[in-house]
Amino acid sequence: MQSGPREILTPFRPIPLDVPEGMKPNEFFNSTENLNDLVHNNGLLVNPEGLVLYRKALGHSNEFDASIIYNTSQGILDPLGRPVRRTQVPDAVKNVWNRMNQVIIEYMLERYPDPQRNLVLAGEASLDATWPLTSPGVPSIRMLHNHFIVFDQEELRAAPLADTDNPNLTDGGQHSLFQAHMRDVYRAFFAGLDLQILRPCADGACRLALTGYPQGLPSWEIQGADGGLAALKEVRFWKEYDTILKGFIDFYRTFFTQVSTRNAPLPRDIHFPELVAAKLQFDNDFLKTAKMVRDRCIRDAKYANAIRWQPAFKQLVYRNDEGRLIVTISQNSIGNAITEVLGVVVKRAPDAEAYGRAEPALIARLLEMRRRLVEADLGEAIATPYWGTE
């Protein structure tokens, strides 16, 4: 079978929401008002830490699809003041967040034990307004959320190949700025991080055979005889997961600071100042690439307007073809979905009847997973028109 990214069709039930005049749909879907609908119509569980588990109404997969959002919309009214990545979440909240991740991933792997039958992934993305502020659809609400998704491998194999020139598939491999011009610098920088549970994957070793993705991204195998699942119960793993993100943020911020201002000092609040100084600020390839981007920004207004100056990323845990758990992190293209890091392009289609056929089994799995979270004292069940609290 030919290897390449797949495009699948996922039906959904149209959301009966009236978007206020003058707002674009995706702006409203990111608004505080819409969060009320999210909780009341799709909410599964909430806890005192402000973490809300919910069904994805506009989902990626009707096999299994849920998210957790850190809902600070009413406690922090300034959208630019809200936490949008794990490194900004208070420790007490992050402790609960990590435990919820561990329980849900464990459930998914137990419910879907065969990597040849199901693709399992979980992860989060930056949601801050790193798009150009004049662009349509800039998120009006900044809040961290993550995804828990399962795809049927048979459906993926039967799906048509996606267009490899799709811009949402080009944040890795030869298309990425980091990969195309600073690949060795990028790898050497990550190699300087203190990692014990996470082991770097050899080039291409962590790709999915069906899609050929991830392409060119740094990836790490979670070590362990059980494929890495037990490590998710260790505090050390989640610290290393954060270390990967902190390293990415340092690299991204340092690079675009140099693009913005030649010979700029270290950005404020850098996580690994000695590593940045040794591996980045004194590296000719790194600084040469920054000059190349800076020069193009000066002469190409459209290119400059498309730059995401602040760290934009997608970080995920997924199961590879051999059943090993892998961590990867990707520079975030504008508009791309977390699934596209793994070469899965989701085309959503409004079809209430088709969604209704899949919904009972989907909800049953989500409620079973919710029971485990409640038993672990990770929150209280939410009742909606579609399900109760049991």
Protein backbone atom coordinates (compact mmCIF):
# COMPACT_ATOMS: atom_id res chain seq x y z
CA MET A 1 0.00 0.00 0.00
CA GLN A 2 1.27 3.45 -0.91
CA SER A 3 2.51 5.48 2.03
CA GLY A 4 1.30 9.06 2.31
CA PRO A 5 -0.95 11.40 4.28
CA ARG A 6 -4.64 10.46 4.33
CA GLU A 7 -7.73 12.63 4.15
CA ILE A 8 -10.77 11.28 5.98
CA LEU A 9 -14.35 12.54 6.10
CA THR A 10 -15.86 13.00 9.58
CA PRO A 11 -19.59 13.81 9.83
CA PHE A 12 -20.87 16.07 12.60
CA ARG A 13 -24.18 17.37 13.88
CA PRO A 14 -24.50 21.07 13.03
CA ILE A 15 -24.28 23.22 16.16
CA PRO A 16 -27.46 25.29 16.62
CA LEU A 17 -25.73 28.49 17.65
CA ASP A 18 -26.47 31.99 16.43
CA VAL A 19 -23.20 33.76 15.72
CA PRO A 20 -23.49 37.47 16.55
CA GLU A 21 -23.43 39.81 13.58
CA GLY A 22 -19.92 40.96 12.78
CA MET A 23 -18.21 37.87 14.27
CA LYS A 24 -16.75 35.02 12.28
CA PRO A 25 -17.80 31.50 13.37
CA ASN A 26 -14.37 30.48 14.63
CA GLU A 27 -14.12 33.69 16.64
CA PHE A 28 -17.43 32.90 18.33
CA PHE A 29 -16.47 29.27 18.92
CA ASN A 30 -13.49 30.60 20.87
CA SER A 31 -15.62 33.03 22.88
CA THR A 32 -16.70 32.95 26.51
CA GLU A 33 -20.34 32.76 25.42
CA ASN A 34 -19.70 29.58 23.46
CA LEU A 35 -18.00 27.98 26.45
CA ASN A 36 -21.36 27.95 28.20
CA ASP A 37 -22.72 25.86 25.34
CA LEU A 38 -19.64 23.67 25.45
CA VAL A 39 -20.26 22.84 29.11
CA HIS A 40 -24.05 22.53 29.02
CA ASN A 41 -24.39 20.56 25.78
CA ASN A 42 -21.07 18.71 25.55
CA GLY A 43 -19.54 18.79 29.04
CA LEU A 44 -18.58 15.48 30.61
CA LEU A 45 -16.71 16.41 33.79
CA VAL A 46 -15.49 19.45 35.69
CA ASN A 47 -13.23 19.86 38.71
CA PRO A 48 -12.36 22.65 41.18
CA GLU A 49 -9.13 23.32 39.29
CA GLY A 50 -11.14 24.68 36.36
CA LEU A 51 -10.45 21.76 34.01
CA VAL A 52 -13.44 20.78 31.86
CA LEU A 53 -13.62 17.49 29.98
CA TYR A 54 -15.97 17.60 27.01
CA ARG A 55 -17.04 15.85 23.85
CA LYS A 56 -15.76 17.49 20.68
CA ALA A 57 -18.91 18.62 18.88
CA LEU A 58 -16.82 19.40 15.80
CA GLY A 59 -14.62 16.38 16.22
CA HIS A 60 -11.74 14.80 14.39
CA SER A 61 -12.99 11.24 14.90
CA ASN A 62 -16.31 9.65 15.77
CA GLU A 63 -14.51 6.63 17.18
CA PHE A 64 -13.15 8.47 20.22
CA ASP A 65 -12.67 12.21 20.55
CA ALA A 66 -12.59 14.34 23.69
CA SER A 67 -10.76 17.36 25.03
CA ILE A 68 -9.88 19.02 28.31
CA ILE A 69 -9.90 22.81 28.45
CA TYR A 70 -8.43 24.91 31.24
CA ASN A 71 -11.36 27.26 31.54
CA THR A 72 -10.08 30.57 32.89
CA SER A 73 -12.55 32.64 30.86
CA GLN A 74 -14.46 34.00 33.86
CA GLY A 75 -11.55 34.22 36.29
CA ILE A 76 -9.20 36.04 33.90
CA LEU A 77 -11.12 38.37 31.63
CA ASP A 78 -8.06 39.67 29.78
CA PRO A 79 -7.57 37.12 26.95
CA LEU A 80 -3.87 37.96 26.77
CA GLY A 81 -3.46 37.13 30.46
CA ARG A 82 -4.69 33.54 30.31
CA PRO A 83 -2.46 30.45 30.44
CA VAL A 84 -2.08 28.99 26.95
CA ARG A 85 0.62 26.38 27.42
CA ARG A 86 1.60 23.85 30.07
CA THR A 87 4.51 25.95 31.31
CA GLN A 88 2.05 28.68 32.40
CA VAL A 89 -0.32 26.42 34.35
CA PRO A 90 -0.12 26.55 38.18
CA ASP A 91 1.55 23.47 39.66
CA ALA A 92 -1.56 22.31 41.54
CA VAL A 93 -3.62 22.46 38.33
CA LYS A 94 -0.90 20.80 36.28
CA ASN A 95 -0.70 17.93 38.76
CA VAL A 96 -4.40 17.20 38.21
CA TRP A 97 -4.05 17.81 34.45
CA ASN A 98 -1.23 15.24 34.23
CA ARG A 99 -3.21 12.65 36.19
CA MET A 100 -6.22 13.17 33.91
CA ASN A 101 -3.96 12.69 30.87
CA GLN A 102 -2.54 9.50 32.33
CA VAL A 103 -5.95 7.99 33.13
CA ILE A 104 -7.42 8.85 29.71
CA ILE A 105 -4.41 7.59 27.73
CA GLU A 106 -4.41 4.39 29.79
CA TYR A 107 -8.11 3.91 28.99
CA MET A 108 -7.56 4.48 25.27
CA LEU A 109 -4.71 1.96 25.12
CA GLU A 110 -6.73 -0.59 27.08
CA ARG A 111 -9.81 -0.07 24.91
CA TYR A 112 -7.73 -0.07 21.69
CA PRO A 113 -4.81 -2.46 22.32
CA ASP A 114 -3.80 -3.19 18.70
CA PRO A 115 -1.76 -0.49 16.89
CA GLN A 116 -2.61 -2.12 13.56
CA ARG A 117 -6.32 -1.56 14.19
CA ASN A 118 -6.30 1.90 15.79
CA LEU A 119 -4.18 5.04 15.80
CA VAL A 120 -4.13 6.56 19.30
CA LEU A 121 -2.88 10.07 20.06
CA ALA A 122 -3.13 12.75 22.73
CA GLY A 123 -1.64 16.20 22.93
CA GLU A 124 -2.04 19.94 23.11
CA ALA A 125 -1.32 23.04 21.11
CA SER A 126 -0.63 26.70 21.67
CA LEU A 127 -3.81 28.75 21.47
CA ASP A 128 -2.40 32.22 22.02
CA ALA A 129 -2.94 34.91 19.41
CA THR A 130 0.28 34.25 17.54
CA TRP A 131 -1.45 34.85 14.23
CA PRO A 132 -1.08 38.32 12.71
CA LEU A 133 -3.56 40.42 14.64
CA THR A 134 -5.16 41.74 11.45
CA SER A 135 -5.93 38.28 10.09
CA PRO A 136 -9.49 36.95 10.21
CA GLY A 137 -10.16 34.28 12.78
CA VAL A 138 -7.52 35.23 15.33
CA PRO A 139 -8.65 33.46 18.52
CA SER A 140 -10.58 35.85 20.70
CA ILE A 141 -10.14 33.61 23.71
CA ARG A 142 -6.83 32.14 24.75
CA MET A 143 -7.11 28.96 26.75
CA LEU A 144 -5.07 25.81 26.81
CA HIS A 145 -6.83 22.64 25.74
CA ASN A 146 -5.73 19.21 24.66
CA HIS A 147 -7.10 16.39 22.54
CA PHE A 148 -7.62 12.64 22.98
CA ILE A 149 -8.30 10.99 19.63
CA VAL A 150 -8.57 7.46 18.21
CA PHE A 151 -8.80 6.65 14.49
CA ASP A 152 -9.79 3.37 12.90
CA GLN A 153 -6.78 2.17 10.88
CA GLU A 154 -9.00 0.40 8.34
CA GLU A 155 -10.74 3.69 7.59
CA LEU A 156 -7.38 5.42 7.26
CA ARG A 157 -6.12 2.76 4.88
CA ALA A 158 -9.27 3.12 2.77
CA ALA A 159 -9.09 6.92 2.75
CA PRO A 160 -7.71 8.75 -0.30
CA LEU A 161 -4.26 10.24 -0.22
CA ALA A 162 -4.18 13.87 0.90
CA ASP A 163 -2.56 16.61 -1.13
CA THR A 164 1.04 16.71 0.06
CA ASP A 165 1.14 20.42 -0.77
CA ASN A 166 -1.61 21.12 1.74
CA PRO A 167 -0.07 23.93 3.83
CA ASN A 168 -1.32 22.30 7.02
CA LEU A 169 0.92 19.31 6.36
CA THR A 170 4.08 21.36 5.93
CA ASP A 171 5.26 22.13 9.45
CA GLY A 172 7.78 19.27 9.44
CA GLY A 173 10.37 17.75 7.15
CA GLN A 174 11.78 19.77 4.29
CA HIS A 175 9.03 22.37 4.54
CA SER A 176 9.80 23.58 8.05
CA LEU A 177 12.10 26.51 8.56
CA PHE A 178 13.81 24.76 11.46
CA GLN A 179 14.18 21.49 9.58
CA ALA A 180 15.25 22.94 6.26
CA HIS A 181 17.94 25.33 7.49
CA MET A 182 18.84 24.47 11.08
CA ARG A 183 18.23 20.75 11.40
CA ASP A 184 21.58 19.92 13.03
CA VAL A 185 21.38 22.94 15.34
CA TYR A 186 17.86 21.98 16.35
CA ARG A 187 18.85 18.38 17.14
CA ALA A 188 21.99 19.42 19.03
CA PHE A 189 20.00 21.84 21.16
CA PHE A 190 17.47 19.18 22.19
CA ALA A 191 20.32 16.74 22.84
CA GLY A 192 21.50 19.10 25.59
CA LEU A 193 18.32 18.64 27.63
CA ASP A 194 18.31 16.42 30.72
CA LEU A 195 16.16 13.46 29.68
CA GLN A 196 16.16 10.00 31.28
CA ILE A 197 12.80 8.44 30.44
CA LEU A 198 12.58 9.92 26.95
CA ARG A 199 15.05 8.50 24.42
CA PRO A 200 15.59 10.19 21.03
CA CYS A 201 14.27 8.24 18.06
CA ALA A 202 16.58 7.53 15.17
CA ASP A 203 15.66 9.31 11.94
CA GLY A 204 12.44 7.90 10.56
CA ALA A 205 12.13 5.21 13.23
CA CYS A 206 9.01 6.73 14.73
CA ARG A 207 7.11 7.38 11.51
CA LEU A 208 3.78 5.69 10.87
CA ALA A 209 4.19 3.40 7.87
CA LEU A 210 0.75 4.26 6.48
CA THR A 211 1.18 8.04 6.36
CA GLY A 212 4.95 8.51 6.51
CA TYR A 213 4.50 11.05 9.31
CA PRO A 214 5.80 12.69 11.45
CA GLN A 215 8.26 14.05 8.91
CA GLY A 216 11.59 15.34 10.14
CA LEU A 217 10.38 16.26 13.61
CA PRO A 218 12.41 15.50 16.73
CA SER A 219 10.75 12.55 18.47
CA TRP A 220 11.41 10.59 21.64
CA GLU A 221 10.42 7.07 22.65
CA ILE A 222 8.96 6.68 26.15
CA GLN A 223 11.06 3.87 27.56
CA GLY A 224 9.53 0.88 29.33
CA ALA A 225 8.82 -2.81 28.82
CA ASP A 226 5.09 -2.09 28.40
CA GLY A 227 5.63 0.33 25.53
CA GLY A 228 5.99 3.28 27.87
CA LEU A 229 2.56 3.28 29.55
CA ALA A 230 3.89 2.79 33.09
CA ALA A 231 6.14 5.84 32.70
CA LEU A 232 3.06 8.06 32.39
CA LYS A 233 2.36 7.32 36.06
CA GLU A 234 5.72 8.81 37.04
CA VAL A 235 6.13 12.48 37.92
CA ARG A 236 9.51 12.34 36.19
CA PHE A 237 7.90 11.65 32.81
CA TRP A 238 5.67 14.73 32.97
CA LYS A 239 8.63 16.86 34.01
CA GLU A 240 10.50 15.62 30.95
CA TYR A 241 7.42 16.24 28.79
CA ASP A 242 7.53 19.83 30.05
CA THR A 243 11.29 19.98 29.45
CA ILE A 244 10.71 19.21 25.76
CA LEU A 245 8.20 22.05 25.56
CA LYS A 246 10.47 24.46 27.45
CA GLY A 247 13.32 23.61 25.10
CA PHE A 248 11.12 24.21 22.06
CA ILE A 249 9.93 27.54 23.47
CA ASP A 250 13.52 28.65 24.14
CA PHE A 251 14.59 27.73 20.61
CA TYR A 252 11.59 29.42 19.00
CA ARG A 253 11.80 32.61 21.08
CA THR A 254 15.56 32.91 20.63
CA PHE A 255 15.32 32.45 16.88
CA PHE A 256 12.54 34.94 16.24
CA THR A 257 14.09 37.42 18.65
CA GLN A 258 17.18 37.31 16.43
CA VAL A 259 14.99 37.64 13.34
CA SER A 260 13.34 40.70 14.83
CA THR A 261 16.51 42.35 16.17
CA ARG A 262 20.03 41.60 14.96
CA ASN A 263 22.40 40.48 17.72
CA ALA A 264 19.58 40.61 20.30
CA PRO A 265 20.22 39.60 23.92
CA LEU A 266 18.64 36.51 25.42
CA PRO A 267 14.85 36.73 25.68
CA ARG A 268 13.51 37.34 29.17
CA ASP A 269 12.62 34.36 31.36
CA ILE A 270 14.47 31.87 29.22
CA HIS A 271 14.37 28.32 30.64
CA PHE A 272 17.87 27.12 29.66
CA PRO A 273 20.05 30.26 29.35
CA GLU A 274 23.41 28.45 29.34
CA LEU A 275 22.28 25.98 26.67
CA VAL A 276 20.84 28.79 24.53
CA ALA A 277 24.03 30.83 24.83
CA ALA A 278 26.28 27.88 23.96
CA LYS A 279 24.24 26.15 21.25
CA LEU A 280 22.28 28.97 19.59
CA GLN A 281 23.67 32.44 20.10
CA PHE A 282 27.13 31.37 18.98
CA ASP A 283 26.07 29.14 16.10
CA ASN A 284 26.65 30.51 12.61
CA ASP A 285 23.96 28.39 10.91
CA PHE A 286 21.37 29.55 13.45
CA LEU A 287 22.27 33.23 13.04
CA LYS A 288 22.63 32.95 9.25
CA THR A 289 19.09 31.58 9.03
CA ALA A 290 17.79 34.38 11.27
CA LYS A 291 19.40 36.89 8.89
CA MET A 292 17.80 35.19 5.89
CA VAL A 293 14.33 35.44 7.46
CA ARG A 294 14.93 39.02 8.65
CA ASP A 295 16.04 40.16 5.21
CA ARG A 296 12.98 38.57 3.60
CA CYS A 297 10.67 40.20 6.16
CA ILE A 298 12.10 43.60 5.25
CA ARG A 299 11.44 43.19 1.52
CA ASP A 300 8.35 40.94 1.53
CA ALA A 301 5.38 42.42 3.41
CA LYS A 302 3.16 39.39 2.88
CA TYR A 303 5.81 37.04 4.25
CA ALA A 304 6.45 39.28 7.26
CA ASN A 305 2.73 39.43 8.05
CA ALA A 306 2.53 35.63 8.11
CA ILE A 307 5.28 35.22 10.71
CA ARG A 308 4.14 33.83 14.05
CA TRP A 309 6.52 35.73 16.28
CA GLN A 310 5.60 33.99 19.52
CA PRO A 311 6.05 30.25 20.19
CA ALA A 312 3.46 28.25 18.28
CA PHE A 313 3.56 24.48 18.71
CA LYS A 314 1.77 21.16 18.83
CA GLN A 315 3.07 18.55 21.27
CA LEU A 316 1.69 15.05 21.41
CA VAL A 317 2.00 11.48 22.62
CA TYR A 318 1.07 8.83 20.07
CA ARG A 319 1.43 5.07 19.63
CA ASN A 320 3.59 3.94 16.74
CA ASP A 321 3.25 0.83 14.57
CA GLU A 322 5.24 -1.27 17.05
CA GLY A 323 3.04 -0.28 19.99
CA ARG A 324 5.58 2.11 21.53
CA LEU A 325 4.51 5.47 22.93
CA ILE A 326 6.28 8.37 21.23
CA VAL A 327 6.51 12.07 22.11
CA THR A 328 6.97 14.64 19.36
CA ILE A 329 6.71 18.40 19.05
CA SER A 330 6.00 20.45 15.96
CA GLN A 331 6.23 24.02 14.85
CA ASN A 332 2.61 25.06 14.36
CA SER A 333 1.37 26.10 10.95
CA ILE A 334 -1.52 28.52 10.75
CA GLY A 335 -4.77 26.58 10.89
CA ASN A 336 -3.38 23.08 11.05
CA ALA A 337 -4.84 20.37 13.27
CA ILE A 338 -2.97 18.21 15.75
CA THR A 339 -3.80 15.12 13.66
CA GLU A 340 -1.90 16.54 10.71
CA VAL A 341 1.37 16.14 12.60
CA LEU A 342 0.74 12.42 11.99
CA GLY A 343 -0.38 12.90 8.40
CA VAL A 344 -4.15 12.66 9.00
CA VAL A 345 -6.17 15.44 7.38
CA VAL A 346 -9.74 15.60 8.68
CA LYS A 347 -12.46 17.02 6.44
CA ARG A 348 -15.56 17.69 8.53
CA ALA A 349 -18.98 17.44 6.90
CA PRO A 350 -22.37 18.44 8.39
CA ASP A 351 -24.44 15.24 8.43
CA ALA A 352 -26.66 14.79 11.47
CA GLU A 353 -27.91 11.37 10.33
CA ALA A 354 -24.43 9.90 9.83
CA TYR A 355 -23.21 11.38 13.10
CA GLY A 356 -26.30 10.01 14.88
CA ARG A 357 -25.38 6.47 13.81
CA ALA A 358 -21.94 6.79 15.43
CA GLU A 359 -22.99 8.79 18.47
CA PRO A 360 -24.32 6.07 20.83
CA ALA A 361 -21.11 4.04 20.76
CA LEU A 362 -18.96 7.18 20.97
CA ILE A 363 -20.87 8.48 24.01
CA ALA A 364 -20.73 5.07 25.70
CA ARG A 365 -16.93 5.08 25.46
CA LEU A 366 -16.67 8.67 26.71
CA LEU A 367 -18.89 7.93 29.71
CA GLU A 368 -16.89 4.82 30.55
CA MET A 369 -13.72 6.90 30.50
CA ARG A 370 -15.43 9.57 32.62
CA ARG A 371 -16.28 7.00 35.32
CA ARG A 372 -12.59 6.25 35.73
CA LEU A 373 -11.80 9.93 36.21
CA VAL A 374 -14.54 10.32 38.81
CA GLU A 375 -13.30 7.23 40.67
CA ALA A 376 -9.79 8.72 40.73
CA ASP A 377 -11.22 11.93 42.33
CA LEU A 378 -10.39 13.96 39.25
CA GLY A 379 -13.74 15.69 38.94
CA GLU A 380 -17.52 15.50 39.06
CA ALA A 381 -19.77 14.36 36.22
CA ILE A 382 -21.77 16.92 34.23
CA ALA A 383 -25.32 16.21 33.04
CA THR A 384 -26.38 17.39 29.56
CA PRO A 385 -29.45 16.83 27.35
CA TYR A 386 -27.58 13.83 25.90
CA TRP A 387 -26.39 12.09 29.09
CA GLY A 388 -26.72 12.14 32.86
CA THR A 389 -24.17 11.97 35.66
CA GLU A 390 -24.06 8.19 35.95
